[in-house]
Amino acid sequence: MARVKRSLDAVDLEILEILTQNCRERLESIASKVGLSAPMVRKRIESMERLGIIKGCTAHIDLNLLENIVTRALIIRRRGVEKIADDLYKNKLVEKIYASRTGDTIIAIVRAAEEQEIKDLVEALRKEAIDAEIIDIDLIRERQWIPEKPGIRIIYRCNFCGGVIIGSPYVITLEGVVRTFHGKECAEAYMQKRLLRLAT
């Protein structure tokens, strides 16, 4: 069974950023940008697909630029909003629902072909939950977000001396494997040591 990485490194994040800009980017093009071979890039992408980080290649459409597509964020505040959240989640206009840990606030992202559909939904909510505070937000700015770092901090170590690298590492690719160093001196010393080992 193939071993799957459990955390992302800097190269994985760079690949994700490239795919976010253009999910149909050629493997060879990605490989040249991240300093790996195309087969190594394919292996990393497949690993991220197995982990569920990459879920497929889709067109990122800015619905706000399309005619007649109305987007709203509805903030609903009331004690015990779980039932409202469940009912909203079944509604075809609702794209996402965020609920607070305290269970008294939900935010619903709603999209419709006509303004009136959202007005009708808000009116129905006001009738269902008379004591709820409902805020209709009509200006939403969206952009795709890629984290600078995964859940844990990325720490680069020098492949020659093992020390922690402060700042940007000096990177070389050797037989399809990315190696990081403090600088050119460490990289050259590593190569000399490696050549001596291969010669004996």
N, C-alpha and C. Protein backbone atom coordinates (compact mmCIF):
# COMPACT_ATOMS: atom_id res chain seq x y z
N MET A 1 0.84 -1.20 0.00
CA MET A 1 0.00 0.00 0.00
C MET A 1 0.87 1.25 0.00
N ALA A 2 0.52 2.24 -0.84
CA ALA A 2 1.33 3.45 -0.96
C ALA A 2 1.26 4.28 0.31
N ARG A 3 2.41 4.83 0.69
CA ARG A 3 2.47 5.67 1.89
C ARG A 3 1.98 7.06 1.54
N VAL A 4 1.04 7.58 2.33
CA VAL A 4 0.45 8.89 2.05
C VAL A 4 0.94 9.88 3.09
N LYS A 5 1.41 11.05 2.63
CA LYS A 5 1.87 12.08 3.56
C LYS A 5 0.71 12.59 4.40
N ARG A 6 0.98 12.92 5.66
CA ARG A 6 -0.06 13.41 6.55
C ARG A 6 -0.04 14.93 6.70
N SER A 7 1.03 15.60 6.24
CA SER A 7 1.09 17.05 6.32
C SER A 7 1.68 17.60 5.03
N LEU A 8 1.44 18.88 4.79
CA LEU A 8 1.91 19.51 3.56
C LEU A 8 3.23 20.22 3.80
N ASP A 9 4.08 20.27 2.78
CA ASP A 9 5.29 21.07 2.88
C ASP A 9 5.16 22.26 1.94
N ALA A 10 6.23 23.06 1.87
CA ALA A 10 6.19 24.29 1.07
C ALA A 10 5.94 24.01 -0.41
N VAL A 11 6.47 22.90 -0.92
CA VAL A 11 6.28 22.57 -2.34
C VAL A 11 4.82 22.21 -2.61
N ASP A 12 4.20 21.44 -1.69
CA ASP A 12 2.77 21.11 -1.83
C ASP A 12 1.93 22.38 -1.91
N LEU A 13 2.22 23.34 -1.01
CA LEU A 13 1.45 24.58 -0.99
C LEU A 13 1.64 25.38 -2.27
N GLU A 14 2.85 25.34 -2.82
CA GLU A 14 3.12 26.02 -4.09
C GLU A 14 2.32 25.38 -5.22
N ILE A 15 2.26 24.04 -5.22
CA ILE A 15 1.47 23.31 -6.23
C ILE A 15 -0.01 23.68 -6.10
N LEU A 16 -0.51 23.73 -4.86
CA LEU A 16 -1.91 24.10 -4.63
C LEU A 16 -2.22 25.50 -5.14
N GLU A 17 -1.28 26.43 -4.91
CA GLU A 17 -1.51 27.80 -5.38
C GLU A 17 -1.57 27.85 -6.90
N ILE A 18 -0.69 27.11 -7.57
CA ILE A 18 -0.69 27.07 -9.04
C ILE A 18 -2.01 26.48 -9.54
N LEU A 19 -2.46 25.38 -8.92
CA LEU A 19 -3.71 24.74 -9.34
C LEU A 19 -4.91 25.62 -9.07
N THR A 20 -4.84 26.44 -8.02
CA THR A 20 -5.94 27.36 -7.71
C THR A 20 -6.07 28.41 -8.81
N GLN A 21 -4.93 28.88 -9.32
CA GLN A 21 -4.95 29.86 -10.41
C GLN A 21 -5.44 29.22 -11.72
N ASN A 22 -4.97 28.00 -11.99
CA ASN A 22 -5.37 27.29 -13.22
C ASN A 22 -5.30 25.79 -12.96
N CYS A 23 -6.45 25.17 -12.74
CA CYS A 23 -6.46 23.75 -12.38
C CYS A 23 -6.09 22.85 -13.57
N ARG A 24 -6.01 23.43 -14.77
CA ARG A 24 -5.63 22.64 -15.95
C ARG A 24 -4.17 22.88 -16.37
N GLU A 25 -3.40 23.46 -15.48
CA GLU A 25 -1.98 23.71 -15.76
C GLU A 25 -1.28 22.37 -16.04
N ARG A 26 -0.44 22.36 -17.06
CA ARG A 26 0.27 21.12 -17.43
C ARG A 26 1.27 20.73 -16.35
N LEU A 27 1.43 19.42 -16.16
CA LEU A 27 2.35 18.92 -15.14
C LEU A 27 3.77 19.44 -15.37
N GLU A 28 4.20 19.49 -16.62
CA GLU A 28 5.55 19.95 -16.95
C GLU A 28 5.74 21.40 -16.54
N SER A 29 4.70 22.21 -16.73
CA SER A 29 4.76 23.63 -16.36
C SER A 29 4.84 23.79 -14.83
N ILE A 30 4.03 23.00 -14.12
CA ILE A 30 4.07 23.05 -12.65
C ILE A 30 5.45 22.60 -12.16
N ALA A 31 5.95 21.52 -12.76
CA ALA A 31 7.25 20.97 -12.36
C ALA A 31 8.35 22.00 -12.50
N SER A 32 8.34 22.76 -13.61
CA SER A 32 9.39 23.76 -13.82
C SER A 32 9.28 24.90 -12.81
N LYS A 33 8.05 25.20 -12.37
CA LYS A 33 7.85 26.30 -11.41
C LYS A 33 8.26 25.91 -9.99
N VAL A 34 8.09 24.63 -9.63
CA VAL A 34 8.39 24.20 -8.25
C VAL A 34 9.73 23.47 -8.14
N GLY A 35 10.39 23.25 -9.26
CA GLY A 35 11.70 22.62 -9.23
C GLY A 35 11.70 21.12 -9.01
N LEU A 36 10.65 20.45 -9.50
CA LEU A 36 10.57 18.99 -9.42
C LEU A 36 10.37 18.41 -10.81
N SER A 37 10.44 17.10 -10.91
CA SER A 37 10.13 16.44 -12.18
C SER A 37 8.61 16.29 -12.28
N ALA A 38 8.11 16.14 -13.51
CA ALA A 38 6.66 15.97 -13.71
C ALA A 38 6.11 14.75 -12.97
N PRO A 39 6.81 13.58 -12.97
CA PRO A 39 6.30 12.43 -12.20
C PRO A 39 6.20 12.70 -10.70
N MET A 40 7.16 13.48 -10.16
CA MET A 40 7.10 13.81 -8.72
C MET A 40 5.92 14.73 -8.42
N VAL A 41 5.64 15.68 -9.33
CA VAL A 41 4.49 16.57 -9.15
C VAL A 41 3.20 15.76 -9.20
N ARG A 42 3.11 14.81 -10.17
CA ARG A 42 1.93 13.96 -10.28
C ARG A 42 1.72 13.17 -8.98
N LYS A 43 2.81 12.64 -8.42
CA LYS A 43 2.75 11.85 -7.19
C LYS A 43 2.22 12.70 -6.03
N ARG A 44 2.68 13.94 -5.94
CA ARG A 44 2.22 14.84 -4.87
C ARG A 44 0.74 15.19 -5.04
N ILE A 45 0.33 15.45 -6.28
CA ILE A 45 -1.08 15.79 -6.54
C ILE A 45 -1.96 14.59 -6.20
N GLU A 46 -1.55 13.39 -6.60
CA GLU A 46 -2.33 12.18 -6.30
C GLU A 46 -2.42 11.95 -4.79
N SER A 47 -1.33 12.24 -4.08
CA SER A 47 -1.32 12.09 -2.62
C SER A 47 -2.33 13.06 -1.98
N MET A 48 -2.36 14.32 -2.48
CA MET A 48 -3.30 15.31 -1.94
C MET A 48 -4.74 14.96 -2.31
N GLU A 49 -4.93 14.30 -3.45
CA GLU A 49 -6.27 13.83 -3.82
C GLU A 49 -6.73 12.72 -2.89
N ARG A 50 -5.81 11.78 -2.55
CA ARG A 50 -6.16 10.69 -1.63
C ARG A 50 -6.50 11.22 -0.24
N LEU A 51 -5.80 12.28 0.17
CA LEU A 51 -6.08 12.89 1.48
C LEU A 51 -7.36 13.72 1.47
N GLY A 52 -7.90 14.00 0.27
CA GLY A 52 -9.13 14.80 0.17
C GLY A 52 -8.87 16.29 0.14
N ILE A 53 -7.58 16.70 0.06
CA ILE A 53 -7.26 18.13 -0.01
C ILE A 53 -7.65 18.68 -1.37
N ILE A 54 -7.35 17.93 -2.43
CA ILE A 54 -7.79 18.29 -3.79
C ILE A 54 -8.99 17.42 -4.11
N LYS A 55 -10.12 18.07 -4.39
CA LYS A 55 -11.36 17.33 -4.62
C LYS A 55 -11.78 17.30 -6.08
N GLY A 56 -10.94 17.83 -6.96
CA GLY A 56 -11.29 17.83 -8.38
C GLY A 56 -10.92 19.16 -9.00
N CYS A 57 -11.16 19.27 -10.28
CA CYS A 57 -10.84 20.48 -11.03
C CYS A 57 -12.13 21.11 -11.51
N THR A 58 -12.41 22.30 -11.01
CA THR A 58 -13.65 22.97 -11.39
C THR A 58 -13.37 24.41 -11.79
N ALA A 59 -14.28 24.99 -12.55
CA ALA A 59 -14.17 26.41 -12.91
C ALA A 59 -14.59 27.24 -11.71
N HIS A 60 -13.79 28.25 -11.38
CA HIS A 60 -14.15 29.16 -10.28
C HIS A 60 -14.88 30.34 -10.90
N ILE A 61 -16.17 30.40 -10.67
CA ILE A 61 -17.02 31.40 -11.31
C ILE A 61 -17.39 32.48 -10.31
N ASP A 62 -17.18 33.73 -10.68
CA ASP A 62 -17.62 34.84 -9.83
C ASP A 62 -19.08 35.10 -10.15
N LEU A 63 -19.96 34.53 -9.34
CA LEU A 63 -21.40 34.63 -9.59
C LEU A 63 -21.90 36.07 -9.50
N ASN A 64 -21.16 36.91 -8.77
CA ASN A 64 -21.58 38.30 -8.62
C ASN A 64 -21.49 39.07 -9.95
N LEU A 65 -20.68 38.55 -10.89
CA LEU A 65 -20.54 39.22 -12.18
C LEU A 65 -21.60 38.78 -13.19
N LEU A 66 -22.30 37.69 -12.89
CA LEU A 66 -23.34 37.20 -13.80
C LEU A 66 -24.63 37.98 -13.58
N GLU A 67 -25.32 38.24 -14.67
CA GLU A 67 -26.60 38.95 -14.56
C GLU A 67 -27.62 38.10 -13.82
N ASN A 68 -28.44 38.78 -13.02
CA ASN A 68 -29.57 38.17 -12.31
C ASN A 68 -29.20 37.17 -11.22
N ILE A 69 -27.90 37.04 -10.88
CA ILE A 69 -27.55 36.17 -9.76
C ILE A 69 -27.39 37.06 -8.54
N VAL A 70 -28.21 36.82 -7.53
CA VAL A 70 -28.21 37.64 -6.32
C VAL A 70 -27.60 36.81 -5.20
N THR A 71 -26.62 37.38 -4.50
CA THR A 71 -25.99 36.70 -3.38
C THR A 71 -26.22 37.50 -2.11
N ARG A 72 -26.60 36.80 -1.05
CA ARG A 72 -26.84 37.44 0.24
C ARG A 72 -26.22 36.61 1.35
N ALA A 73 -25.85 37.29 2.43
CA ALA A 73 -25.48 36.61 3.67
C ALA A 73 -26.55 36.97 4.68
N LEU A 74 -27.23 35.98 5.20
CA LEU A 74 -28.26 36.21 6.22
C LEU A 74 -27.69 35.84 7.58
N ILE A 75 -27.66 36.79 8.49
CA ILE A 75 -27.23 36.52 9.86
C ILE A 75 -28.50 36.41 10.71
N ILE A 76 -28.65 35.27 11.38
CA ILE A 76 -29.85 35.02 12.18
C ILE A 76 -29.42 34.77 13.61
N ARG A 77 -29.94 35.59 14.52
CA ARG A 77 -29.59 35.47 15.94
C ARG A 77 -30.85 35.16 16.75
N ARG A 78 -30.76 34.07 17.49
CA ARG A 78 -31.84 33.68 18.39
C ARG A 78 -31.36 32.48 19.18
N ARG A 79 -31.84 32.31 20.38
CA ARG A 79 -31.47 31.11 21.15
C ARG A 79 -32.06 29.89 20.48
N GLY A 80 -31.24 28.85 20.36
CA GLY A 80 -31.71 27.60 19.76
C GLY A 80 -32.02 27.73 18.28
N VAL A 81 -31.01 28.12 17.50
CA VAL A 81 -31.24 28.30 16.05
C VAL A 81 -31.03 27.00 15.26
N GLU A 82 -30.81 25.88 15.97
CA GLU A 82 -30.52 24.62 15.28
C GLU A 82 -31.62 24.22 14.30
N LYS A 83 -32.88 24.37 14.72
CA LYS A 83 -34.00 23.98 13.85
C LYS A 83 -34.06 24.88 12.61
N ILE A 84 -33.81 26.18 12.80
CA ILE A 84 -33.79 27.11 11.66
C ILE A 84 -32.67 26.71 10.70
N ALA A 85 -31.50 26.38 11.27
CA ALA A 85 -30.36 25.97 10.44
C ALA A 85 -30.69 24.71 9.65
N ASP A 86 -31.35 23.73 10.30
CA ASP A 86 -31.73 22.48 9.61
C ASP A 86 -32.70 22.75 8.47
N ASP A 87 -33.70 23.61 8.72
CA ASP A 87 -34.69 23.95 7.69
C ASP A 87 -34.04 24.70 6.52
N LEU A 88 -33.16 25.64 6.86
CA LEU A 88 -32.47 26.42 5.82
C LEU A 88 -31.59 25.55 4.96
N TYR A 89 -30.93 24.58 5.60
CA TYR A 89 -30.00 23.71 4.88
C TYR A 89 -30.71 22.92 3.78
N LYS A 90 -32.01 22.65 3.97
CA LYS A 90 -32.80 21.91 2.97
C LYS A 90 -33.26 22.80 1.82
N ASN A 91 -33.15 24.11 2.00
CA ASN A 91 -33.62 25.05 0.99
C ASN A 91 -32.65 25.12 -0.19
N LYS A 92 -33.16 25.08 -1.41
CA LYS A 92 -32.31 25.05 -2.61
C LYS A 92 -31.53 26.35 -2.82
N LEU A 93 -31.95 27.44 -2.20
CA LEU A 93 -31.26 28.72 -2.36
C LEU A 93 -30.02 28.82 -1.47
N VAL A 94 -29.96 28.00 -0.44
CA VAL A 94 -28.88 28.11 0.55
C VAL A 94 -27.66 27.32 0.10
N GLU A 95 -26.52 28.03 0.00
CA GLU A 95 -25.28 27.39 -0.44
C GLU A 95 -24.46 26.88 0.74
N LYS A 96 -24.33 27.70 1.80
CA LYS A 96 -23.55 27.32 2.98
C LYS A 96 -24.22 27.85 4.23
N ILE A 97 -23.98 27.14 5.33
CA ILE A 97 -24.45 27.61 6.64
C ILE A 97 -23.31 27.51 7.63
N TYR A 98 -23.09 28.60 8.37
CA TYR A 98 -22.10 28.62 9.44
C TYR A 98 -22.86 28.81 10.76
N ALA A 99 -22.55 28.00 11.76
CA ALA A 99 -23.23 28.11 13.05
C ALA A 99 -22.21 28.40 14.14
N SER A 100 -22.59 29.27 15.08
CA SER A 100 -21.69 29.59 16.20
C SER A 100 -21.66 28.44 17.19
N ARG A 101 -20.59 28.36 17.95
CA ARG A 101 -20.47 27.30 18.96
C ARG A 101 -21.53 27.43 20.05
N THR A 102 -21.92 28.67 20.31
CA THR A 102 -22.91 28.91 21.37
C THR A 102 -24.33 28.53 20.94
N GLY A 103 -24.51 28.29 19.64
CA GLY A 103 -25.82 27.85 19.14
C GLY A 103 -26.87 28.95 19.08
N ASP A 104 -26.42 30.22 19.08
CA ASP A 104 -27.39 31.32 19.03
C ASP A 104 -27.27 32.19 17.77
N THR A 105 -26.33 31.84 16.89
CA THR A 105 -26.13 32.63 15.67
C THR A 105 -25.80 31.71 14.50
N ILE A 106 -26.44 31.96 13.36
CA ILE A 106 -26.06 31.27 12.13
C ILE A 106 -25.90 32.29 11.01
N ILE A 107 -25.02 31.96 10.08
CA ILE A 107 -24.86 32.78 8.88
C ILE A 107 -25.14 31.87 7.70
N ALA A 108 -26.07 32.27 6.85
CA ALA A 108 -26.43 31.48 5.67
C ALA A 108 -26.03 32.26 4.42
N ILE A 109 -25.29 31.62 3.54
CA ILE A 109 -24.96 32.22 2.24
C ILE A 109 -26.03 31.75 1.26
N VAL A 110 -26.74 32.71 0.70
CA VAL A 110 -27.91 32.42 -0.13
C VAL A 110 -27.70 33.00 -1.52
N ARG A 111 -28.04 32.21 -2.56
CA ARG A 111 -27.95 32.68 -3.94
C ARG A 111 -29.28 32.40 -4.65
N ALA A 112 -29.68 33.35 -5.48
CA ALA A 112 -30.94 33.17 -6.22
C ALA A 112 -30.85 33.86 -7.57
N ALA A 113 -31.73 33.45 -8.47
CA ALA A 113 -31.78 34.05 -9.81
C ALA A 113 -32.50 35.39 -9.79
N GLU A 114 -33.34 35.58 -8.77
CA GLU A 114 -34.11 36.83 -8.67
C GLU A 114 -34.11 37.33 -7.24
N GLU A 115 -34.09 38.64 -7.09
CA GLU A 115 -34.10 39.29 -5.78
C GLU A 115 -35.32 38.87 -4.96
N GLN A 116 -36.46 38.71 -5.64
CA GLN A 116 -37.71 38.40 -4.95
C GLN A 116 -37.64 37.06 -4.20
N GLU A 117 -36.90 36.09 -4.76
CA GLU A 117 -36.78 34.78 -4.10
C GLU A 117 -36.14 34.92 -2.72
N ILE A 118 -35.14 35.78 -2.62
CA ILE A 118 -34.47 35.98 -1.33
C ILE A 118 -35.38 36.76 -0.39
N LYS A 119 -36.09 37.74 -0.91
CA LYS A 119 -37.04 38.50 -0.08
C LYS A 119 -38.10 37.56 0.49
N ASP A 120 -38.59 36.63 -0.33
CA ASP A 120 -39.60 35.66 0.13
C ASP A 120 -39.03 34.76 1.23
N LEU A 121 -37.77 34.34 1.06
CA LEU A 121 -37.12 33.50 2.06
C LEU A 121 -36.97 34.23 3.39
N VAL A 122 -36.53 35.50 3.33
CA VAL A 122 -36.36 36.30 4.54
C VAL A 122 -37.71 36.51 5.23
N GLU A 123 -38.75 36.75 4.43
CA GLU A 123 -40.10 36.94 4.99
C GLU A 123 -40.59 35.68 5.69
N ALA A 124 -40.35 34.53 5.06
CA ALA A 124 -40.74 33.24 5.67
C ALA A 124 -40.00 33.01 6.97
N LEU A 125 -38.72 33.39 7.00
CA LEU A 125 -37.92 33.24 8.23
C LEU A 125 -38.48 34.12 9.34
N ARG A 126 -38.87 35.36 9.00
CA ARG A 126 -39.41 36.29 10.00
C ARG A 126 -40.73 35.76 10.59
N LYS A 127 -41.51 35.08 9.76
CA LYS A 127 -42.78 34.51 10.25
C LYS A 127 -42.53 33.28 11.12
N GLU A 128 -41.52 32.47 10.73
CA GLU A 128 -41.22 31.24 11.47
C GLU A 128 -40.60 31.54 12.83
N ALA A 129 -39.68 32.51 12.84
CA ALA A 129 -38.98 32.86 14.09
C ALA A 129 -39.22 34.33 14.38
N ILE A 130 -40.34 34.62 14.98
CA ILE A 130 -40.76 36.01 15.22
C ILE A 130 -39.76 36.77 16.08
N ASP A 131 -39.18 36.09 17.08
CA ASP A 131 -38.27 36.75 18.01
C ASP A 131 -36.81 36.77 17.54
N ALA A 132 -36.55 36.28 16.33
CA ALA A 132 -35.17 36.23 15.84
C ALA A 132 -34.77 37.56 15.20
N GLU A 133 -33.50 37.91 15.37
CA GLU A 133 -32.94 39.07 14.70
C GLU A 133 -32.35 38.57 13.38
N ILE A 134 -32.82 39.13 12.25
CA ILE A 134 -32.35 38.70 10.93
C ILE A 134 -31.72 39.90 10.23
N ILE A 135 -30.46 39.75 9.87
CA ILE A 135 -29.73 40.82 9.17
C ILE A 135 -29.44 40.33 7.75
N ASP A 136 -29.85 41.11 6.77
CA ASP A 136 -29.67 40.77 5.36
C ASP A 136 -28.50 41.59 4.82
N ILE A 137 -27.38 40.91 4.52
CA ILE A 137 -26.19 41.60 4.01
C ILE A 137 -26.11 41.38 2.51
N ASP A 138 -26.07 42.50 1.75
CA ASP A 138 -26.09 42.35 0.30
C ASP A 138 -24.76 42.65 -0.39
N LEU A 139 -23.72 42.99 0.38
CA LEU A 139 -22.41 43.23 -0.23
C LEU A 139 -21.44 42.18 0.30
N ILE A 140 -21.09 41.24 -0.56
CA ILE A 140 -20.18 40.15 -0.17
C ILE A 140 -19.00 40.14 -1.12
N ARG A 141 -17.82 40.16 -0.55
CA ARG A 141 -16.60 40.08 -1.37
C ARG A 141 -15.98 38.72 -1.13
N GLU A 142 -15.75 38.00 -2.21
CA GLU A 142 -15.21 36.66 -2.09
C GLU A 142 -13.93 36.52 -2.90
N ARG A 143 -12.98 35.78 -2.37
CA ARG A 143 -11.81 35.40 -3.14
C ARG A 143 -11.35 34.05 -2.62
N GLN A 144 -10.70 33.29 -3.49
CA GLN A 144 -10.22 31.98 -3.08
C GLN A 144 -9.05 32.15 -2.13
N TRP A 145 -9.04 31.37 -1.06
CA TRP A 145 -8.02 31.51 -0.03
C TRP A 145 -7.17 30.26 0.05
N ILE A 146 -5.85 30.45 0.03
CA ILE A 146 -4.90 29.35 0.22
C ILE A 146 -4.07 29.72 1.43
N PRO A 147 -3.95 28.84 2.42
CA PRO A 147 -3.16 29.19 3.61
C PRO A 147 -1.68 29.32 3.28
N GLU A 148 -1.01 30.24 3.99
CA GLU A 148 0.44 30.35 3.82
C GLU A 148 1.10 29.10 4.36
N LYS A 149 0.51 28.56 5.40
CA LYS A 149 1.08 27.38 6.05
C LYS A 149 -0.05 26.40 6.30
N PRO A 150 0.26 25.10 6.34
CA PRO A 150 -0.78 24.15 6.73
C PRO A 150 -1.02 24.26 8.23
N GLY A 151 -1.79 23.32 8.78
CA GLY A 151 -2.15 23.36 10.19
C GLY A 151 -0.96 23.49 11.11
N ILE A 152 0.18 22.93 10.75
CA ILE A 152 1.37 23.07 11.58
C ILE A 152 2.39 23.93 10.86
N ARG A 153 3.25 24.58 11.61
CA ARG A 153 4.25 25.47 11.04
C ARG A 153 5.27 24.67 10.24
N ILE A 154 5.67 25.20 9.08
CA ILE A 154 6.69 24.53 8.27
C ILE A 154 8.05 24.94 8.80
N ILE A 155 8.86 23.97 9.16
CA ILE A 155 10.23 24.23 9.61
C ILE A 155 11.18 23.56 8.63
N TYR A 156 12.03 24.36 8.02
CA TYR A 156 13.03 23.82 7.10
C TYR A 156 14.29 23.49 7.89
N ARG A 157 14.86 22.32 7.61
CA ARG A 157 16.14 21.94 8.20
C ARG A 157 17.15 21.73 7.09
N CYS A 158 18.39 22.08 7.38
CA CYS A 158 19.46 21.92 6.40
C CYS A 158 19.77 20.43 6.27
N ASN A 159 19.78 19.93 5.03
CA ASN A 159 20.06 18.52 4.80
C ASN A 159 21.54 18.16 5.00
N PHE A 160 22.39 19.19 5.18
CA PHE A 160 23.81 18.92 5.44
C PHE A 160 24.10 18.90 6.95
N CYS A 161 23.77 20.01 7.64
CA CYS A 161 24.12 20.09 9.07
C CYS A 161 22.95 19.82 10.01
N GLY A 162 21.74 19.79 9.48
CA GLY A 162 20.57 19.49 10.31
C GLY A 162 20.02 20.68 11.07
N GLY A 163 20.64 21.84 10.93
CA GLY A 163 20.18 23.04 11.65
C GLY A 163 18.91 23.62 11.05
N VAL A 164 18.16 24.36 11.90
CA VAL A 164 16.94 25.03 11.45
C VAL A 164 17.32 26.20 10.55
N ILE A 165 16.63 26.33 9.41
CA ILE A 165 16.91 27.40 8.45
C ILE A 165 16.02 28.59 8.76
N ILE A 166 16.64 29.73 8.99
CA ILE A 166 15.90 30.97 9.21
C ILE A 166 15.82 31.69 7.86
N GLY A 167 14.62 32.07 7.45
CA GLY A 167 14.44 32.71 6.15
C GLY A 167 14.24 31.67 5.06
N SER A 168 14.49 32.07 3.82
CA SER A 168 14.28 31.17 2.68
C SER A 168 15.42 30.17 2.58
N PRO A 169 15.10 28.89 2.35
CA PRO A 169 16.16 27.89 2.20
C PRO A 169 16.78 27.93 0.80
N TYR A 170 17.99 27.43 0.69
CA TYR A 170 18.64 27.21 -0.59
C TYR A 170 18.20 25.82 -1.03
N VAL A 171 17.54 25.71 -2.18
CA VAL A 171 16.90 24.46 -2.58
C VAL A 171 17.56 23.87 -3.82
N ILE A 172 17.81 22.55 -3.76
CA ILE A 172 18.24 21.83 -4.96
C ILE A 172 17.39 20.56 -5.07
N THR A 173 17.22 20.07 -6.29
CA THR A 173 16.47 18.83 -6.51
C THR A 173 17.46 17.77 -6.94
N LEU A 174 17.48 16.66 -6.21
CA LEU A 174 18.43 15.59 -6.46
C LEU A 174 17.67 14.29 -6.64
N GLU A 175 17.71 13.71 -7.83
CA GLU A 175 17.00 12.47 -8.15
C GLU A 175 15.52 12.57 -7.79
N GLY A 176 14.93 13.72 -8.11
CA GLY A 176 13.50 13.93 -7.87
C GLY A 176 13.13 14.27 -6.44
N VAL A 177 14.13 14.46 -5.56
CA VAL A 177 13.86 14.79 -4.16
C VAL A 177 14.36 16.21 -3.88
N VAL A 178 13.50 17.04 -3.25
CA VAL A 178 13.88 18.41 -2.92
C VAL A 178 14.73 18.38 -1.65
N ARG A 179 15.90 19.02 -1.71
CA ARG A 179 16.80 19.13 -0.56
C ARG A 179 16.93 20.60 -0.20
N THR A 180 16.91 20.91 1.10
CA THR A 180 17.02 22.29 1.56
C THR A 180 18.29 22.49 2.36
N PHE A 181 18.91 23.67 2.17
CA PHE A 181 20.17 23.99 2.83
C PHE A 181 20.17 25.43 3.31
N HIS A 182 21.12 25.74 4.22
CA HIS A 182 21.28 27.13 4.67
C HIS A 182 21.69 28.02 3.51
N GLY A 183 22.56 27.51 2.68
CA GLY A 183 23.06 28.30 1.56
C GLY A 183 23.85 27.41 0.61
N LYS A 184 24.53 28.05 -0.34
CA LYS A 184 25.28 27.34 -1.37
C LYS A 184 26.42 26.51 -0.75
N GLU A 185 27.04 27.04 0.32
CA GLU A 185 28.17 26.34 0.95
C GLU A 185 27.73 24.99 1.51
N CYS A 186 26.62 24.98 2.23
CA CYS A 186 26.09 23.73 2.80
C CYS A 186 25.72 22.75 1.69
N ALA A 187 25.13 23.27 0.60
CA ALA A 187 24.72 22.42 -0.53
C ALA A 187 25.95 21.77 -1.17
N GLU A 188 27.02 22.57 -1.36
CA GLU A 188 28.24 22.03 -1.97
C GLU A 188 28.91 21.00 -1.05
N ALA A 189 28.93 21.28 0.25
CA ALA A 189 29.52 20.35 1.22
C ALA A 189 28.73 19.04 1.23
N TYR A 190 27.39 19.14 1.12
CA TYR A 190 26.53 17.95 1.09
C TYR A 190 26.85 17.12 -0.16
N MET A 191 27.01 17.80 -1.30
CA MET A 191 27.30 17.10 -2.56
C MET A 191 28.66 16.39 -2.51
N GLN A 192 29.67 17.08 -1.92
CA GLN A 192 31.00 16.47 -1.80
C GLN A 192 30.94 15.22 -0.92
N LYS A 193 30.24 15.35 0.21
CA LYS A 193 30.10 14.22 1.14
C LYS A 193 29.38 13.06 0.46
N ARG A 194 28.38 13.39 -0.33
CA ARG A 194 27.60 12.36 -1.03
C ARG A 194 28.45 11.65 -2.09
N LEU A 195 29.26 12.44 -2.82
CA LEU A 195 30.14 11.86 -3.85
C LEU A 195 31.18 10.94 -3.22
N LEU A 196 31.72 11.35 -2.07
CA LEU A 196 32.70 10.50 -1.35
C LEU A 196 32.07 9.18 -0.93
N ARG A 197 30.80 9.29 -0.45
CA ARG A 197 30.08 8.09 -0.02
C ARG A 197 29.83 7.15 -1.19
N LEU A 198 29.48 7.71 -2.35
CA LEU A 198 29.23 6.89 -3.53
C LEU A 198 30.51 6.27 -4.08
N ALA A 199 31.65 6.98 -3.90
CA ALA A 199 32.92 6.50 -4.42
C ALA A 199 33.46 5.32 -3.61
N THR A 200 33.08 5.25 -2.33
CA THR A 200 33.61 4.14 -1.47
C THR A 200 32.72 2.93 -1.52
